[in-house]
Amino acid sequence: MLTVKQQERLEYAAERLYGKKFKMNQAHKEINLGETAAPTPSGKVDDDPLRGPVNMEWIKYIEPERSEFAAVVDEILADLPKMDTSKFTRLGDDNL
């Protein structure tokens, strides 16, 4: 459960990020925001239909708001109660 302060910080950071994204999208219509900035996984298939086009260009336009939003999310996640993982199956070579 979020505290009131965390909720306010998250909403404020999200509003700033959305506003920056909107302004950037208006100013740079040549950049497709639907493209991902995710790093290429090892063993990727070049024609993988599940992988979209990659474009790192737009990330620089939404900084520092993106980093501020990510920091708030990280803080909220760090405050969540830890899950008991003692009964989880450990993944290894024989049980993937």
Protein backbone atom coordinates (compact mmCIF):
# COMPACT_ATOMS: atom_id res chain seq x y z
CA MET A 1 0.00 0.00 0.00
CA LEU A 2 1.32 3.42 -0.92
CA THR A 3 1.61 6.15 1.64
CA VAL A 4 -0.01 9.48 0.85
CA LYS A 5 3.42 11.04 0.33
CA GLN A 6 4.50 8.24 -2.04
CA GLN A 7 1.25 8.57 -3.99
CA GLU A 8 1.76 12.33 -4.33
CA ARG A 9 5.39 11.93 -5.41
CA LEU A 10 4.44 9.25 -7.95
CA GLU A 11 1.62 11.34 -9.41
CA TYR A 12 3.84 14.43 -9.62
CA ALA A 13 6.68 12.51 -11.29
CA ALA A 14 4.25 10.84 -13.72
CA GLU A 15 2.67 14.18 -14.65
CA ARG A 16 6.09 15.73 -15.28
CA LEU A 17 7.19 12.75 -17.39
CA TYR A 18 3.95 12.69 -19.39
CA GLY A 19 4.18 16.45 -19.98
CA LYS A 20 7.78 16.14 -21.15
CA LYS A 21 6.87 13.21 -23.42
CA PHE A 22 3.99 15.18 -24.93
CA LYS A 23 6.19 18.23 -25.60
CA MET A 24 8.95 16.06 -27.05
CA ASN A 25 6.49 14.24 -29.28
CA GLN A 26 5.16 17.55 -30.63
CA ALA A 27 8.65 18.93 -31.26
CA HIS A 28 10.21 15.74 -32.71
CA LYS A 29 7.61 14.02 -34.85
CA GLU A 30 10.36 12.15 -36.68
CA ILE A 31 11.00 10.00 -33.60
CA ASN A 32 8.65 7.05 -33.11
CA LEU A 33 7.83 6.71 -29.41
CA GLY A 34 6.61 3.17 -30.07
CA GLU A 35 10.17 2.05 -30.68
CA THR A 36 11.93 0.45 -27.78
CA ALA A 37 15.16 1.38 -26.08
CA ALA A 38 15.61 -2.05 -24.53
CA PRO A 39 19.01 -3.65 -25.02
CA THR A 40 19.18 -6.55 -27.45
CA PRO A 41 19.09 -9.88 -25.59
CA SER A 42 21.80 -12.44 -26.23
CA GLY A 43 20.87 -15.06 -28.81
CA LYS A 44 18.30 -12.82 -30.48
CA VAL A 45 16.85 -13.76 -33.84
CA ASP A 46 17.14 -10.97 -36.40
CA ASP A 47 13.63 -11.47 -37.80
CA ASP A 48 11.94 -12.09 -34.44
CA PRO A 49 8.35 -10.78 -34.86
CA LEU A 50 8.07 -10.09 -31.12
CA ARG A 51 10.92 -7.57 -31.19
CA GLY A 52 10.12 -4.08 -32.32
CA PRO A 53 12.49 -1.56 -33.83
CA VAL A 54 15.12 -0.14 -31.49
CA ASN A 55 15.71 3.58 -31.13
CA MET A 56 17.75 5.08 -28.27
CA GLU A 57 17.35 8.60 -29.64
CA TRP A 58 14.17 9.55 -27.77
CA ILE A 59 15.53 8.71 -24.30
CA LYS A 60 17.68 11.85 -24.20
CA TYR A 61 14.62 14.02 -24.83
CA ILE A 62 12.73 12.84 -21.73
CA GLU A 63 15.57 13.22 -19.25
CA PRO A 64 15.76 14.13 -16.35
CA GLU A 65 12.04 13.43 -15.87
CA ARG A 66 12.44 9.76 -16.79
CA SER A 67 15.14 9.25 -14.18
CA GLU A 68 13.12 11.08 -11.52
CA PHE A 69 10.07 8.89 -12.22
CA ALA A 70 12.20 5.72 -12.14
CA ALA A 71 13.71 6.78 -8.79
CA VAL A 72 10.24 7.22 -7.25
CA VAL A 73 9.13 3.81 -8.55
CA ASP A 74 12.33 2.18 -7.24
CA GLU A 75 11.77 3.76 -3.82
CA ILE A 76 8.18 2.49 -3.67
CA LEU A 77 9.23 -1.01 -4.71
CA ALA A 78 11.99 -1.05 -2.09
CA ASP A 79 9.44 -0.24 0.64
CA LEU A 80 7.13 -3.13 -0.27
CA PRO A 81 7.14 -6.15 2.06
CA LYS A 82 9.52 -8.85 0.94
CA MET A 83 8.01 -12.04 -0.43
CA ASP A 84 8.83 -15.41 1.14
CA THR A 85 10.70 -17.20 -1.62
CA SER A 86 11.84 -20.19 0.45
CA LYS A 87 9.32 -22.51 -1.26
CA PHE A 88 10.05 -21.33 -4.79
CA THR A 89 11.68 -23.80 -7.15
CA ARG A 90 15.28 -22.88 -7.76
CA LEU A 91 15.97 -22.66 -11.47
CA GLY A 92 18.97 -24.47 -12.80
CA ASP A 93 20.13 -26.42 -15.82
CA ASP A 94 17.81 -29.36 -15.13
CA ASN A 95 14.55 -27.53 -14.35
CA LEU A 96 14.19 -24.61 -16.73
